[in-house]
Amino acid sequence: MFFNKMIGQKTINSFFSPVSKKRISKELNEVEEDAKHQAVSPPAARCSPAVYFVENASILQKKLKSSAGESEPSGPPPAPLSREQMDKIARNKKSALEKLAFAQTPAGFGESWREALSEEFGKAYFKQLMDLVSEERKRFTVYPPAENVFTWTQTCDIREVKVVILGQDPYHGPNQAHGLCFSVKRPVRPPPSLENMYKELVSDIEGFQHPGHGDLTGWSRQGVLLLNAVLTVRAHQANSHKDKGWETFTDAVVQWLSNNLEGLVFMLWGAYAQKKGAAINRKRHHILQTVHPSPLSCHRGFLGCKHFSKANELLKKSGKSPVDWKEL
């Protein structure tokens, strides 16, 4: 597709009639200029037009020469590129790919997280996911608002994460979800699962008092990653965006943290979170797991688990500062 678009209608006759060397050279120059200046973004392309041209120029030249009835030269091969030339090509390619990754980054994505996860943005599943969510927003009310989907990347640098709490699906009521699992925007009343978390904190952390709201941004700023497995949902339809691609993306987030950081504390509450955390490197990180804090299961092990104080003890052993759970 890209080749056809680059050649354009005016050169199609070259496949059926002789073309002079001078004209071929002119058309190659035009193709290169098009690659540099036209906004051509074929759906299947993995790089910018300029990079595509550089990587495929020899193939393109062969096709044009073939169309003109010319054979490959029989002389000696061209001299290899110098180290300086190769370095320059590599730098230009890297720069082009970085610009492409930046262009593909979803709105509201934190810079340090973008640098770590940019490879995901160019993958087919992620583009399809973004298209799906965009279409869903045209037809339905979707939570959280687009600017809040990636709130979890905005509050702290990716390398400052200390604790990871995994949730499943955003709240699907009005003004609740804002991009942090278990958290709700003020002045929305804390949902039942969060109320049970507060109950546990009151008994586990000395001096903790119910804050009177459900906004957990204060934890997030301290390096507590509050990450749902699925990051969007239709209003009033729980799990409506399940199995659409979000799980693949958030698995990549968890895997990056597991592979690149040390001494994190993962809080895995409930079977779903425990399954998602199965790939975490337990030799490098600490795992705290129990049942989910929902009213249906909290009395079977969540209340009394003391995960908040245990997390702080593990952080201290890893040489990290503890979380001030009272800072909300």
Protein backbone atom coordinates (compact mmCIF):
# COMPACT_ATOMS: atom_id res chain seq x y z
CA MET A 1 0.00 0.00 0.00
CA PHE A 2 2.77 2.38 0.99
CA PHE A 3 4.70 1.66 -2.21
CA ASN A 4 1.67 2.31 -4.39
CA LYS A 5 0.86 5.52 -2.59
CA MET A 6 4.44 6.75 -2.81
CA ILE A 7 4.73 6.08 -6.57
CA GLY A 8 1.39 7.72 -7.36
CA GLN A 9 -0.64 7.75 -10.54
CA LYS A 10 1.89 9.73 -12.58
CA THR A 11 4.49 6.92 -12.58
CA ILE A 12 2.19 3.97 -13.11
CA ASN A 13 2.95 4.09 -16.85
CA SER A 14 6.57 3.30 -16.07
CA PHE A 15 5.58 -0.31 -15.56
CA PHE A 16 4.37 -0.52 -19.15
CA SER A 17 6.75 1.67 -21.18
CA PRO A 18 10.51 2.38 -21.29
CA VAL A 19 11.71 5.17 -19.03
CA SER A 20 14.99 7.03 -19.26
CA LYS A 21 17.64 6.89 -16.59
CA LYS A 22 17.21 10.60 -16.04
CA ARG A 23 13.49 10.19 -15.41
CA ILE A 24 14.06 7.31 -12.99
CA SER A 25 16.51 9.44 -11.03
CA LYS A 26 14.00 12.28 -10.98
CA GLU A 27 11.22 9.98 -9.76
CA LEU A 28 13.42 8.55 -7.03
CA ASN A 29 14.13 12.07 -5.83
CA GLU A 30 10.42 12.82 -5.85
CA VAL A 31 9.71 9.65 -3.87
CA GLU A 32 12.34 10.61 -1.29
CA GLU A 33 10.89 14.11 -0.99
CA ASP A 34 7.40 12.63 -0.58
CA ALA A 35 8.69 10.33 2.15
CA LYS A 36 10.18 13.29 3.98
CA HIS A 37 7.35 15.76 3.60
CA GLN A 38 4.03 13.97 3.12
CA ALA A 39 1.97 12.84 6.11
CA VAL A 40 1.71 9.23 4.99
CA SER A 41 0.85 6.83 7.81
CA PRO A 42 -0.18 3.42 6.45
CA PRO A 43 -2.03 1.42 9.16
CA ALA A 44 0.44 -1.44 9.00
CA ALA A 45 3.60 0.72 9.01
CA ARG A 46 5.79 0.37 12.04
CA CYS A 47 7.85 3.51 11.44
CA SER A 48 7.66 6.99 9.97
CA PRO A 49 7.63 7.50 6.15
CA ALA A 50 11.22 8.73 6.19
CA VAL A 51 12.42 5.64 8.04
CA TYR A 52 10.31 3.42 5.78
CA PHE A 53 11.93 4.96 2.73
CA VAL A 54 15.47 4.56 4.09
CA GLU A 55 14.87 0.91 4.94
CA ASN A 56 13.17 0.11 1.60
CA ALA A 57 14.94 2.45 -0.85
CA SER A 58 16.97 -0.33 -2.45
CA ILE A 59 13.85 -2.40 -3.10
CA LEU A 60 12.08 0.63 -4.54
CA GLN A 61 15.01 1.43 -6.82
CA LYS A 62 15.11 -2.14 -8.13
CA LYS A 63 11.41 -2.00 -8.94
CA LEU A 64 11.81 1.26 -10.86
CA LYS A 65 14.84 0.02 -12.78
CA SER A 66 13.04 -3.20 -13.59
CA SER A 67 10.10 -1.20 -14.94
CA ALA A 68 12.50 0.66 -17.25
CA GLY A 69 14.01 -2.55 -18.58
CA GLU A 70 17.38 -1.98 -16.93
CA SER A 71 19.45 -4.76 -15.44
CA GLU A 72 21.48 -4.62 -12.26
CA PRO A 73 25.01 -3.25 -12.77
CA SER A 74 27.71 -5.89 -13.00
CA GLY A 75 30.44 -3.72 -11.56
CA PRO A 76 31.95 -3.98 -8.06
CA PRO A 77 29.62 -3.39 -5.08
CA PRO A 78 29.63 0.07 -3.52
CA ALA A 79 32.05 0.76 -0.71
CA PRO A 80 30.65 0.00 2.75
CA LEU A 81 29.36 2.87 4.81
CA SER A 82 31.75 4.45 7.26
CA ARG A 83 31.23 4.19 11.01
CA GLU A 84 30.21 7.86 11.06
CA GLN A 85 27.62 7.30 8.33
CA MET A 86 26.20 4.26 10.08
CA ASP A 87 26.00 6.13 13.38
CA LYS A 88 24.22 9.01 11.68
CA ILE A 89 21.70 6.66 10.07
CA ALA A 90 21.12 4.95 13.42
CA ARG A 91 20.60 8.30 15.15
CA ASN A 92 18.19 9.48 12.49
CA LYS A 93 16.23 6.23 12.66
CA LYS A 94 16.08 6.37 16.45
CA SER A 95 14.90 9.96 16.32
CA ALA A 96 12.20 9.13 13.79
CA LEU A 97 10.97 6.18 15.84
CA GLU A 98 10.92 8.30 18.99
CA LYS A 99 8.84 10.93 17.21
CA LEU A 100 6.47 8.22 16.01
CA ALA A 101 6.15 6.77 19.52
CA PHE A 102 5.47 10.22 20.90
CA ALA A 103 2.77 10.76 18.28
CA GLN A 104 1.17 7.45 19.22
CA THR A 105 1.20 8.15 22.97
CA PRO A 106 -2.32 8.47 24.39
CA ALA A 107 -3.29 11.84 25.82
CA GLY A 108 -2.51 12.28 29.50
CA PHE A 109 0.27 9.67 29.65
CA GLY A 110 3.09 10.55 32.06
CA GLU A 111 6.50 11.13 30.48
CA SER A 112 8.54 8.55 32.43
CA TRP A 113 5.86 5.93 31.80
CA ARG A 114 5.79 6.79 28.11
CA GLU A 115 9.53 6.24 27.82
CA ALA A 116 9.24 2.84 29.49
CA LEU A 117 6.13 1.59 27.69
CA SER A 118 6.29 3.26 24.27
CA GLU A 119 6.85 -0.05 22.49
CA GLU A 120 3.30 -1.06 23.39
CA PHE A 121 1.80 1.94 21.61
CA GLY A 122 2.94 0.77 18.18
CA LYS A 123 1.54 -2.73 18.52
CA ALA A 124 -1.56 -3.73 16.59
CA TYR A 125 -3.57 -4.68 19.68
CA PHE A 126 -3.04 -1.24 21.25
CA LYS A 127 -4.11 0.67 18.15
CA GLN A 128 -7.21 -1.51 17.89
CA LEU A 129 -7.90 -0.89 21.58
CA MET A 130 -7.61 2.88 21.20
CA ASP A 131 -9.91 2.79 18.17
CA LEU A 132 -12.44 0.71 20.09
CA VAL A 133 -12.48 3.05 23.09
CA SER A 134 -12.81 6.05 20.77
CA GLU A 135 -15.81 4.49 19.05
CA GLU A 136 -17.34 3.54 22.40
CA ARG A 137 -17.13 7.16 23.55
CA LYS A 138 -19.04 8.25 20.44
CA ARG A 139 -21.89 5.84 21.15
CA PHE A 140 -21.96 5.50 24.94
CA THR A 141 -20.91 7.20 28.14
CA VAL A 142 -17.51 5.75 29.06
CA TYR A 143 -15.71 6.08 32.40
CA PRO A 144 -13.34 7.46 33.41
CA PRO A 145 -13.17 10.60 31.25
CA ALA A 146 -10.47 10.42 28.58
CA GLU A 147 -8.17 12.78 30.48
CA ASN A 148 -8.30 10.53 33.57
CA VAL A 149 -7.70 7.10 32.03
CA PHE A 150 -3.96 7.32 32.73
CA THR A 151 -4.03 9.28 35.98
CA TRP A 152 -1.88 6.53 37.50
CA THR A 153 1.03 7.63 35.27
CA GLN A 154 0.79 11.31 36.20
CA THR A 155 1.32 11.34 39.95
CA CYS A 156 4.79 9.80 40.26
CA ASP A 157 7.73 8.75 38.15
CA ILE A 158 7.66 5.09 37.10
CA ARG A 159 10.95 4.44 38.91
CA GLU A 160 9.55 5.82 42.15
CA VAL A 161 6.84 3.16 42.45
CA LYS A 162 7.12 1.31 45.76
CA VAL A 163 3.77 -0.44 46.26
CA VAL A 164 1.41 -1.87 43.65
CA ILE A 165 -2.28 -2.48 44.36
CA LEU A 166 -4.08 -4.26 41.53
CA GLY A 167 -7.77 -3.75 40.86
CA GLN A 168 -10.00 -5.17 38.16
CA ASP A 169 -12.47 -2.76 36.54
CA PRO A 170 -13.17 0.99 36.92
CA TYR A 171 -16.25 2.10 38.82
CA HIS A 172 -19.09 2.52 36.33
CA GLY A 173 -21.18 5.18 38.11
CA PRO A 174 -21.15 8.94 37.45
CA ASN A 175 -18.17 10.92 38.83
CA GLN A 176 -16.57 7.87 40.44
CA ALA A 177 -13.68 6.53 38.35
CA HIS A 178 -10.71 8.84 37.81
CA GLY A 179 -7.90 6.49 36.83
CA LEU A 180 -6.85 5.04 40.21
CA CYS A 181 -8.20 1.67 41.32
CA PHE A 182 -10.44 1.71 44.43
CA SER A 183 -10.35 5.53 44.41
CA VAL A 184 -13.26 7.88 43.69
CA LYS A 185 -13.39 11.60 43.04
CA ARG A 186 -14.58 13.93 45.75
CA PRO A 187 -17.27 14.41 46.97
CA VAL A 188 -18.46 10.93 45.93
CA ARG A 189 -19.01 8.64 48.87
CA PRO A 190 -16.41 5.83 49.21
CA PRO A 191 -17.71 2.54 47.74
CA PRO A 192 -18.04 -0.56 50.00
CA SER A 193 -14.65 -2.08 49.11
CA LEU A 194 -12.86 1.16 49.93
CA GLU A 195 -14.81 1.46 53.18
CA ASN A 196 -13.48 -1.96 54.15
CA MET A 197 -9.95 -0.83 53.30
CA TYR A 198 -10.44 2.12 55.65
CA LYS A 199 -11.69 -0.23 58.37
CA GLU A 200 -8.53 -2.29 58.04
CA LEU A 201 -6.36 0.84 58.09
CA VAL A 202 -8.01 2.06 61.31
CA SER A 203 -7.05 -1.20 63.04
CA ASP A 204 -3.66 -1.58 61.34
CA ILE A 205 -2.11 1.90 61.21
CA GLU A 206 -1.84 3.87 64.41
CA GLY A 207 -3.56 7.23 64.17
CA PHE A 208 -5.40 6.49 60.92
CA GLN A 209 -8.85 8.05 60.75
CA HIS A 210 -11.48 7.80 58.06
CA PRO A 211 -10.71 10.79 55.77
CA GLY A 212 -14.32 11.47 54.89
CA HIS A 213 -13.70 11.01 51.15
CA GLY A 214 -12.53 8.32 48.74
CA ASP A 215 -9.76 10.07 46.80
CA LEU A 216 -6.51 8.07 47.10
CA THR A 217 -4.33 10.50 45.13
CA GLY A 218 -2.25 11.12 48.27
CA TRP A 219 -1.08 7.50 48.18
CA SER A 220 -0.39 7.63 44.46
CA ARG A 221 1.90 10.64 44.90
CA GLN A 222 3.98 8.60 47.35
CA GLY A 223 4.62 5.80 44.86
CA VAL A 224 1.59 3.58 45.43
CA LEU A 225 0.50 2.40 41.98
CA LEU A 226 -3.29 1.93 41.97
CA LEU A 227 -3.72 0.01 38.73
CA ASN A 228 -6.86 -1.57 37.34
CA ALA A 229 -6.47 -4.45 34.90
CA VAL A 230 -9.05 -2.81 32.62
CA LEU A 231 -8.88 0.96 32.32
CA THR A 232 -12.26 1.93 30.82
CA VAL A 233 -15.89 0.83 31.14
CA ARG A 234 -19.30 1.73 29.78
CA ALA A 235 -21.56 3.55 32.20
CA HIS A 236 -23.54 1.13 34.37
CA GLN A 237 -22.10 -1.94 32.59
CA ALA A 238 -19.43 -3.58 34.72
CA ASN A 239 -16.72 -5.44 32.76
CA SER A 240 -18.04 -4.11 29.45
CA HIS A 241 -14.47 -3.44 28.23
CA LYS A 242 -13.07 -6.71 29.54
CA ASP A 243 -11.03 -8.78 27.07
CA LYS A 244 -10.67 -5.90 24.60
CA GLY A 245 -6.91 -5.46 25.00
CA TRP A 246 -6.49 -3.54 28.26
CA GLU A 247 -5.35 -6.69 30.09
CA THR A 248 -2.49 -7.14 27.62
CA PHE A 249 -1.37 -3.57 28.19
CA THR A 250 -1.58 -3.66 31.99
CA ASP A 251 0.22 -7.02 31.98
CA ALA A 252 3.05 -5.21 30.17
CA VAL A 253 3.03 -2.54 32.90
CA VAL A 254 3.30 -5.13 35.67
CA GLN A 255 6.00 -7.02 33.76
CA TRP A 256 8.08 -3.85 33.26
CA LEU A 257 7.93 -3.09 36.97
CA SER A 258 8.83 -6.67 37.86
CA ASN A 259 11.79 -6.76 35.46
CA ASN A 260 13.23 -3.29 35.99
CA LEU A 261 12.72 -2.39 39.65
CA GLU A 262 13.67 -4.02 42.94
CA GLY A 263 11.94 -4.52 46.27
CA LEU A 264 8.39 -3.54 45.31
CA VAL A 265 5.47 -4.65 47.45
CA PHE A 266 2.60 -6.11 45.41
CA MET A 267 -0.78 -6.28 47.17
CA LEU A 268 -2.82 -8.95 45.42
CA TRP A 269 -6.36 -9.00 46.76
CA GLY A 270 -8.66 -11.65 45.35
CA ALA A 271 -8.22 -14.40 42.78
CA TYR A 272 -8.24 -12.04 39.80
CA ALA A 273 -5.36 -9.90 41.10
CA GLN A 274 -3.43 -13.00 42.17
CA LYS A 275 -3.74 -14.48 38.69
CA LYS A 276 -2.57 -11.22 37.10
CA GLY A 277 0.40 -11.11 39.47
CA ALA A 278 1.47 -14.69 38.80
CA ALA A 279 4.37 -13.61 36.56
CA ILE A 280 5.91 -11.24 39.13
CA ASN A 281 9.49 -12.14 40.03
CA ARG A 282 9.12 -13.16 43.68
CA LYS A 283 12.85 -13.25 44.21
CA ARG A 284 13.08 -9.53 43.50
CA HIS A 285 9.79 -8.36 45.00
CA HIS A 286 7.45 -8.93 47.94
CA ILE A 287 3.95 -10.36 47.56
CA LEU A 288 1.10 -9.79 50.01
CA GLN A 289 -2.09 -11.59 49.07
CA THR A 290 -5.49 -12.23 50.60
CA VAL A 291 -9.15 -12.12 49.62
CA HIS A 292 -10.74 -9.06 47.99
CA PRO A 293 -11.98 -6.27 50.33
CA SER A 294 -15.52 -6.41 48.90
CA PRO A 295 -18.37 -7.02 51.40
CA LEU A 296 -18.78 -10.52 49.96
CA SER A 297 -15.30 -11.67 50.99
CA CYS A 298 -13.67 -9.20 53.39
CA HIS A 299 -14.55 -11.25 56.48
CA ARG A 300 -12.72 -14.26 55.06
CA GLY A 301 -9.28 -12.77 55.51
CA PHE A 302 -9.03 -9.18 54.38
CA LEU A 303 -10.03 -7.62 57.68
CA GLY A 304 -7.12 -8.33 59.96
CA CYS A 305 -4.57 -8.97 57.19
CA LYS A 306 -2.44 -5.97 58.26
CA HIS A 307 -1.13 -5.53 54.75
CA PHE A 308 -0.56 -1.80 55.14
CA SER A 309 1.81 -2.11 58.10
CA LYS A 310 3.45 -5.19 56.58
CA ALA A 311 4.08 -3.27 53.37
CA ASN A 312 5.90 -0.55 55.28
CA GLU A 313 8.08 -3.08 57.10
CA LEU A 314 9.03 -4.69 53.78
CA LEU A 315 9.80 -1.32 52.26
CA LYS A 316 12.12 -0.49 55.16
CA LYS A 317 13.94 -3.81 54.68
CA SER A 318 14.44 -2.90 51.04
CA GLY A 319 15.89 0.49 52.00
CA LYS A 320 12.82 2.43 50.86
CA SER A 321 10.80 5.01 52.78
CA PRO A 322 7.47 3.76 54.17
CA VAL A 323 4.13 5.00 52.88
CA ASP A 324 2.24 7.48 55.04
CA TRP A 325 -1.16 5.84 54.68
CA LYS A 326 -2.75 8.71 56.61
CA GLU A 327 -1.79 11.19 53.88
CA LEU A 328 -4.98 11.42 51.85
